[in-house]
């Protein structure tokens, strides 16, 4: 199975299945001498882990990690950092009824067609359980970015038809972790939580959106043509389970503007640095960061597993009725916030290290 690695210089390879013994990641390219804050890594995993609130899956995983290599006396030593996270609350028997069935909008059929075999226990490799490995690697990337004063803050900006209309500049993003849906606006958060709880009671699910802001990025990150910074951010986000769309800067809304309205005029700040008076470009021009805030939004589909009967087929070609059951999120976006941050951090760390190699 190819496609399990991401990044060029700061590169990760994840491994493991949802109900196997463990999941994990090997991170190569981390500079030596970086202080690895173990408490911070666990804190980031705790933000993503299941069973953390009444509106998430009730699978109970502590997500306690173990570093096997690459760190000595609290610092990276330049060799690959291998991290393993045991699966403690796996219940493969919950999926026995799916051994030969294809769940609607899941990867069951496509994996079977591609590989001729699949792990039906919670989706196996296709499960969002794999993203815990990304989060712990992304936490290390965040520690690296801190040294350059680059910060990443994601938040829930939509749940179903409830959309947060305020621009990020008008909100205190520090309030994101103050509620279980991770929306920085308390009134909107209450409405989102109520909607998710209503859908859970009905055995249905919701989609939503996560927005993200990267501040402190220097100008000059990104590669021309195929490895543009926004292209790599888009690939990173679209690789996350359940993601159906990505837009940065003005996005699709920018198509309704004239060029005279959309262009970001250059000027200087009080310290003489080049800035733009507006930021429709989302901090990226020509695929390279320009020093302004980088901002984007990621769209997530409704969770495919619903606690309702659905028509489907099995591997023998028979029409069947699937009876939904198990432990699943009624809406993924609250737990997706740290995943979006982690993938953004991996992209920025990779391009930061690549930029250091591009000039003398």
Protein backbone atom coordinates (compact mmCIF):
# COMPACT_ATOMS: atom_id res chain seq x y z
CA UNK A 1 0.00 0.00 0.00
CA UNK A 2 1.62 3.23 -1.16
CA UNK A 3 0.65 6.77 -0.17
CA UNK A 4 1.33 6.56 3.56
CA UNK A 5 4.00 9.28 3.64
CA UNK A 6 3.68 13.06 3.53
CA UNK A 7 6.24 15.87 3.22
CA UNK A 8 9.63 16.28 1.55
CA UNK A 9 12.20 17.42 4.14
CA UNK A 10 10.02 17.19 7.26
CA UNK A 11 8.42 13.85 6.35
CA UNK A 12 6.01 11.53 8.14
CA UNK A 13 4.91 7.95 7.51
CA UNK A 14 1.93 6.69 9.49
CA UNK A 15 0.99 3.07 10.15
CA UNK A 16 -1.67 0.95 11.83
CA UNK A 17 -5.39 0.19 11.59
CA UNK A 18 -8.41 1.24 13.62
CA UNK A 19 -8.78 -2.01 15.56
CA UNK A 20 -5.28 -3.40 15.26
CA UNK A 21 -2.74 -3.47 18.06
CA UNK A 22 -1.64 0.14 17.61
CA UNK A 23 -1.25 3.09 15.30
CA UNK A 24 1.87 5.19 14.94
CA UNK A 25 4.13 7.47 12.96
CA UNK A 26 7.75 7.74 11.90
CA UNK A 27 8.91 11.35 11.54
CA UNK A 28 12.08 11.90 9.55
CA UNK A 29 13.85 15.20 8.96
CA UNK A 30 13.24 16.85 12.31
CA UNK A 31 16.28 19.03 13.08
CA UNK A 32 18.42 17.91 16.00
CA UNK A 33 18.23 19.85 19.24
CA UNK A 34 14.50 20.57 19.25
CA UNK A 35 13.08 20.31 22.77
CA UNK A 36 10.24 17.78 22.76
CA UNK A 37 7.59 18.79 25.29
CA UNK A 38 5.93 15.46 26.15
CA UNK A 39 3.08 17.13 28.03
CA UNK A 40 2.30 19.28 25.00
CA UNK A 41 2.23 16.25 22.69
CA UNK A 42 -0.22 14.53 25.03
CA UNK A 43 -2.32 17.68 25.27
CA UNK A 44 -2.67 17.79 21.49
CA UNK A 45 -3.65 14.11 21.36
CA UNK A 46 -6.22 14.71 24.10
CA UNK A 47 -7.87 17.37 21.94
CA UNK A 48 -8.44 14.79 19.18
CA UNK A 49 -9.08 11.64 21.20
CA UNK A 50 -12.51 9.97 21.22
CA UNK A 51 -14.87 10.02 24.19
CA UNK A 52 -13.99 13.57 25.21
CA UNK A 53 -17.54 15.01 25.28
CA UNK A 54 -21.23 14.25 24.88
CA UNK A 55 -21.16 15.14 21.17
CA UNK A 56 -18.34 12.82 20.10
CA UNK A 57 -17.91 9.06 19.71
CA UNK A 58 -17.89 7.25 23.02
CA UNK A 59 -14.98 4.99 22.13
CA UNK A 60 -12.59 5.28 25.09
CA UNK A 61 -8.96 5.71 24.13
CA UNK A 62 -6.40 7.39 26.38
CA UNK A 63 -4.08 7.86 23.38
CA UNK A 64 -1.03 7.55 25.60
CA UNK A 65 1.94 7.55 23.27
CA UNK A 66 5.42 6.10 23.48
CA UNK A 67 8.48 7.45 21.68
CA UNK A 68 10.68 4.59 20.50
CA UNK A 69 13.53 6.50 18.87
CA UNK A 70 14.87 9.87 17.80
CA UNK A 71 14.63 11.64 21.17
CA UNK A 72 17.28 11.64 23.90
CA UNK A 73 17.25 13.61 27.13
CA UNK A 74 14.19 15.51 25.98
CA UNK A 75 15.59 16.65 22.63
CA UNK A 76 15.48 15.43 19.04
CA UNK A 77 18.78 13.95 17.91
CA UNK A 78 18.29 14.13 14.13
CA UNK A 79 17.40 10.48 13.58
CA UNK A 80 13.86 9.30 12.75
CA UNK A 81 11.37 9.83 15.59
CA UNK A 82 9.16 6.75 15.94
CA UNK A 83 5.98 7.07 18.01
CA UNK A 84 3.43 4.37 18.81
CA UNK A 85 -0.09 4.79 20.22
CA UNK A 86 -1.74 1.56 21.43
CA UNK A 87 -5.39 0.84 20.63
CA UNK A 88 -6.92 0.16 24.05
CA UNK A 89 -10.67 0.11 23.37
CA UNK A 90 -10.90 -1.77 20.11
CA UNK A 91 -14.01 -3.89 19.65
CA UNK A 92 -13.58 -5.72 16.36
CA UNK A 93 -16.59 -7.91 17.09
CA UNK A 94 -18.80 -4.85 16.67
CA UNK A 95 -18.04 -5.04 12.96
CA UNK A 96 -18.65 -8.73 12.30
CA UNK A 97 -21.88 -7.90 10.48
CA UNK A 98 -19.91 -5.78 8.01
CA UNK A 99 -17.42 -8.44 6.90
CA UNK A 100 -19.13 -8.87 3.54
CA UNK A 101 -21.23 -5.68 3.45
CA UNK A 102 -20.44 -2.39 1.78
CA UNK A 103 -21.44 0.60 3.88
CA UNK A 104 -22.80 3.58 1.90
CA UNK A 105 -20.24 6.40 1.43
CA UNK A 106 -17.48 4.40 3.18
CA UNK A 107 -14.26 3.02 1.68
CA UNK A 108 -15.38 -0.63 2.00
CA UNK A 109 -16.10 -1.21 -1.69
CA UNK A 110 -13.21 0.85 -3.06
CA UNK A 111 -10.62 -0.82 -0.80
CA UNK A 112 -11.94 -4.26 -1.77
CA UNK A 113 -11.73 -3.39 -5.46
CA UNK A 114 -8.22 -1.93 -5.19
CA UNK A 115 -6.55 -4.49 -2.93
CA UNK A 116 -8.76 -7.58 -3.17
CA UNK A 117 -8.82 -7.68 0.62
CA UNK A 118 -9.84 -5.27 3.37
CA UNK A 119 -9.89 -4.89 7.13
CA UNK A 120 -13.58 -4.45 7.91
CA UNK A 121 -12.96 -3.68 11.62
CA UNK A 122 -13.96 -0.05 11.85
CA UNK A 123 -12.68 0.66 8.36
CA UNK A 124 -9.14 -0.49 9.08
CA UNK A 125 -6.62 1.85 7.50
CA UNK A 126 -9.42 4.10 6.16
CA UNK A 127 -10.57 4.93 9.69
CA UNK A 128 -10.08 8.41 11.14
CA UNK A 129 -8.29 6.64 14.00
CA UNK A 130 -5.18 7.02 11.82
CA UNK A 131 -5.28 10.79 12.31
CA UNK A 132 -4.03 10.47 15.89
CA UNK A 133 -0.63 9.66 14.40
CA UNK A 134 -0.79 12.87 12.35
CA UNK A 135 -1.71 14.92 15.41
CA UNK A 136 1.27 13.78 17.48
CA UNK A 137 3.63 14.41 14.56
CA UNK A 138 1.94 17.76 13.97
CA UNK A 139 2.54 18.65 17.61
CA UNK A 140 6.28 18.25 17.03
CA UNK A 141 5.95 20.44 13.94
CA UNK A 142 4.22 23.07 16.08
CA UNK A 143 7.11 22.99 18.55
CA UNK A 144 9.47 23.69 15.65
CA UNK A 145 7.28 26.51 14.33
CA UNK A 146 7.17 28.11 17.78
CA UNK A 147 10.88 28.80 17.48
CA UNK A 148 10.05 31.01 14.48
CA UNK A 149 6.97 32.62 16.13
CA UNK A 150 4.58 30.91 13.72
CA UNK A 151 1.22 30.01 15.28
CA UNK A 152 -1.70 27.98 13.94
CA UNK A 153 -5.27 28.29 15.22
CA UNK A 154 -8.21 26.35 13.80
CA UNK A 155 -11.84 26.56 14.89
CA UNK A 156 -15.28 25.29 13.90
CA UNK A 157 -16.94 27.78 11.57
CA UNK A 158 -19.98 25.77 10.48
CA UNK A 159 -22.14 22.86 11.63
CA UNK A 160 -24.89 21.89 9.22
CA UNK A 161 -26.76 25.05 8.24
CA UNK A 162 -25.36 27.04 11.19
CA UNK A 163 -22.50 29.20 9.92
CA UNK A 164 -20.23 31.54 11.83
CA UNK A 165 -20.39 34.73 9.77
CA UNK A 166 -17.86 36.83 11.69
CA UNK A 167 -14.39 37.16 10.15
CA UNK A 168 -11.60 35.76 12.29
CA UNK A 169 -10.18 39.23 12.92
CA UNK A 170 -13.33 40.16 14.85
CA UNK A 171 -13.20 37.18 17.22
CA UNK A 172 -11.05 36.06 20.10
CA UNK A 173 -9.78 32.75 18.80
CA UNK A 174 -8.47 32.04 22.29
CA UNK A 175 -12.08 31.16 23.16
CA UNK A 176 -12.08 28.19 20.77
CA UNK A 177 -11.37 25.63 23.49
CA UNK A 178 -13.96 27.12 25.88
CA UNK A 179 -16.77 24.89 24.58
CA UNK A 180 -17.10 21.32 23.35
CA UNK A 181 -17.84 22.24 19.72
CA UNK A 182 -14.70 24.43 19.47
CA UNK A 183 -16.42 27.50 18.05
CA UNK A 184 -14.97 30.80 19.35
CA UNK A 185 -18.36 32.54 19.37
CA UNK A 186 -20.31 31.34 22.42
CA UNK A 187 -23.81 32.05 21.06
CA UNK A 188 -23.13 30.24 17.80
CA UNK A 189 -21.48 27.40 19.72
CA UNK A 190 -24.63 26.81 21.80
CA UNK A 191 -26.75 26.54 18.66
CA UNK A 192 -24.25 24.15 17.06
CA UNK A 193 -24.17 21.90 20.13
CA UNK A 194 -27.97 21.76 20.27
CA UNK A 195 -28.14 20.80 16.59
CA UNK A 196 -25.56 18.04 16.98
CA UNK A 197 -27.38 16.63 20.01
CA UNK A 198 -30.66 16.66 18.05
CA UNK A 199 -29.07 14.77 15.16
CA UNK A 200 -27.55 12.22 17.53
CA UNK A 201 -30.99 11.58 19.07
CA UNK A 202 -32.39 10.98 15.58
CA UNK A 203 -29.58 8.60 14.62
CA UNK A 204 -28.43 10.99 11.92
CA UNK A 205 -25.24 12.99 11.30
CA UNK A 206 -24.07 16.43 10.22
CA UNK A 207 -21.28 17.97 8.20
CA UNK A 208 -19.57 21.26 8.84
CA UNK A 209 -16.49 23.37 8.30
CA UNK A 210 -13.22 24.12 10.10
CA UNK A 211 -11.40 27.39 9.45
CA UNK A 212 -7.73 27.94 10.21
CA UNK A 213 -5.46 30.96 10.58
CA UNK A 214 -1.65 30.85 10.40
CA UNK A 215 0.06 33.93 11.80
CA UNK A 216 3.72 34.87 11.85
CA UNK A 217 4.67 33.07 8.65
CA UNK A 218 7.59 34.81 6.96
CA UNK A 219 7.48 35.75 3.31
CA UNK A 220 9.12 33.23 1.01
CA UNK A 221 7.65 29.85 2.03
CA UNK A 222 6.44 27.66 -0.82
CA UNK A 223 7.85 26.33 -4.07
CA UNK A 224 6.96 27.44 -7.60
CA UNK A 225 4.74 25.48 -9.96
CA UNK A 226 3.74 22.11 -8.45
CA UNK A 227 4.70 22.54 -4.79
CA UNK A 228 2.94 25.83 -4.20
CA UNK A 229 2.24 26.46 -0.52
CA UNK A 230 -1.52 26.57 -1.00
CA UNK A 231 -1.38 23.42 -3.15
CA UNK A 232 0.39 21.51 -0.39
CA UNK A 233 -2.04 22.87 2.20
CA UNK A 234 -4.89 21.74 -0.03
CA UNK A 235 -3.43 18.25 -0.40
CA UNK A 236 -2.87 18.06 3.36
CA UNK A 237 -6.46 19.00 4.15
CA UNK A 238 -8.02 16.86 1.44
CA UNK A 239 -6.10 13.86 2.81
CA UNK A 240 -8.08 14.10 6.07
CA UNK A 241 -11.01 11.69 6.38
CA UNK A 242 -14.42 13.12 5.42
CA UNK A 243 -13.00 16.30 3.83
CA UNK A 244 -14.89 17.37 0.70
CA UNK A 245 -13.52 20.83 -0.01
CA UNK A 246 -10.75 23.37 0.59
CA UNK A 247 -10.57 27.09 -0.08
CA UNK A 248 -8.01 29.68 0.95
CA UNK A 249 -8.03 33.46 0.96
CA UNK A 250 -11.12 34.86 -0.76
CA UNK A 251 -11.88 31.38 -2.08
CA UNK A 252 -15.01 30.93 -4.15
CA UNK A 253 -16.34 34.24 -2.85
CA UNK A 254 -13.51 35.98 -4.65
CA UNK A 255 -15.00 34.98 -8.01
CA UNK A 256 -17.75 37.57 -7.44
CA UNK A 257 -15.26 40.46 -7.13
CA UNK A 258 -13.72 42.63 -9.81
CA UNK A 259 -9.95 42.68 -10.16
CA UNK A 260 -9.98 46.25 -8.89
CA UNK A 261 -11.74 45.02 -5.74
CA UNK A 262 -9.74 41.84 -5.26
CA UNK A 263 -6.15 43.04 -5.76
CA UNK A 264 -4.14 43.40 -2.52
CA UNK A 265 -2.28 46.72 -2.70
CA UNK A 266 1.24 46.80 -1.24
CA UNK A 267 2.34 49.28 1.39
CA UNK A 268 4.72 49.41 4.39
CA UNK A 269 3.99 49.01 8.07
CA UNK A 270 5.38 51.31 10.76
CA UNK A 271 8.60 49.30 10.84
CA UNK A 272 9.14 49.50 7.10
CA UNK A 273 8.12 45.93 6.26
CA UNK A 274 6.15 45.23 3.08
CA UNK A 275 2.50 44.38 3.80
CA UNK A 276 -0.78 44.45 1.90
CA UNK A 277 -3.73 46.71 2.69
CA UNK A 278 -6.16 43.81 2.17
CA UNK A 279 -5.61 40.06 2.23
CA UNK A 280 -7.83 38.46 -0.38
CA UNK A 281 -4.76 36.40 -1.37
CA UNK A 282 -4.87 34.61 1.98
CA UNK A 283 -1.20 35.30 2.64
CA UNK A 284 -0.02 33.43 -0.47
CA UNK A 285 0.85 34.85 -3.89
CA UNK A 286 2.38 32.85 -6.71
CA UNK A 287 2.30 29.84 -4.40
CA UNK A 288 4.69 31.58 -1.96
CA UNK A 289 3.82 33.17 1.39
CA UNK A 290 3.93 36.98 1.45
CA UNK A 291 4.11 37.45 5.23
CA UNK A 292 0.41 38.20 5.79
CA UNK A 293 -1.93 35.85 7.67
CA UNK A 294 -2.59 32.59 5.86
CA UNK A 295 -6.22 31.57 6.25
CA UNK A 296 -8.35 28.80 4.80
CA UNK A 297 -11.51 26.75 5.36
CA UNK A 298 -12.00 22.99 5.13
CA UNK A 299 -15.38 21.37 4.41
CA UNK A 300 -16.34 18.08 6.09
CA UNK A 301 -19.17 15.83 4.92
CA UNK A 302 -21.74 14.30 7.31
CA UNK A 303 -20.40 11.17 9.02
CA UNK A 304 -21.23 8.23 6.76
CA UNK A 305 -22.28 5.88 9.58
CA UNK A 306 -25.83 6.67 10.68
CA UNK A 307 -27.93 4.77 13.22
CA UNK A 308 -30.67 4.10 10.68
CA UNK A 309 -31.44 1.34 8.20
CA UNK A 310 -29.81 1.83 4.79
CA UNK A 311 -30.06 -0.08 1.54
CA UNK A 312 -26.78 -1.50 0.20
CA UNK A 313 -25.18 -4.58 -1.38
CA UNK A 314 -22.73 -7.22 -0.18
CA UNK A 315 -19.63 -8.73 -1.78
CA UNK A 316 -21.72 -11.52 -3.30
CA UNK A 317 -23.91 -9.02 -5.14
CA UNK A 318 -26.98 -9.40 -2.95
CA UNK A 319 -29.20 -6.47 -2.00
CA UNK A 320 -29.10 -6.01 1.77
CA UNK A 321 -30.33 -3.70 4.50
CA UNK A 322 -27.67 -2.40 6.87
CA UNK A 323 -28.66 -1.78 10.47
CA UNK A 324 -26.50 1.03 11.79
CA UNK A 325 -24.81 0.54 15.14
CA UNK A 326 -21.52 1.24 16.87
CA UNK A 327 -19.68 4.23 18.36
CA UNK A 328 -19.47 7.12 15.97
CA UNK A 329 -19.34 10.91 15.95
CA UNK A 330 -22.62 12.58 14.97
CA UNK A 331 -20.43 15.40 13.59
CA UNK A 332 -16.67 15.20 13.07
CA UNK A 333 -15.75 18.88 13.05
CA UNK A 334 -15.13 19.41 16.80
CA UNK A 335 -12.47 16.67 16.83
CA UNK A 336 -11.18 17.71 13.41
CA UNK A 337 -9.86 21.05 14.70
CA UNK A 338 -6.54 19.65 16.03
CA UNK A 339 -6.19 17.48 12.92
CA UNK A 340 -6.45 20.50 10.64
CA UNK A 341 -3.90 22.33 12.79
CA UNK A 342 -1.55 19.33 12.72
CA UNK A 343 -1.63 18.98 8.95
CA UNK A 344 -1.10 22.73 8.50
CA UNK A 345 1.86 22.56 10.89
CA UNK A 346 3.41 19.68 8.95
CA UNK A 347 3.15 21.67 5.71
CA UNK A 348 4.60 24.86 7.23
CA UNK A 349 7.45 22.99 8.96
CA UNK A 350 8.32 21.21 5.73
CA UNK A 351 8.35 24.41 3.69
CA UNK A 352 10.24 26.27 6.39
CA UNK A 353 13.05 23.72 6.22
CA UNK A 354 12.93 23.69 2.42
CA UNK A 355 13.22 27.49 2.37
CA UNK A 356 16.41 27.29 4.42
CA UNK A 357 17.89 25.16 1.64
CA UNK A 358 16.83 27.46 -1.23
CA UNK A 359 19.31 30.31 -0.74
CA UNK A 360 22.65 31.12 0.87
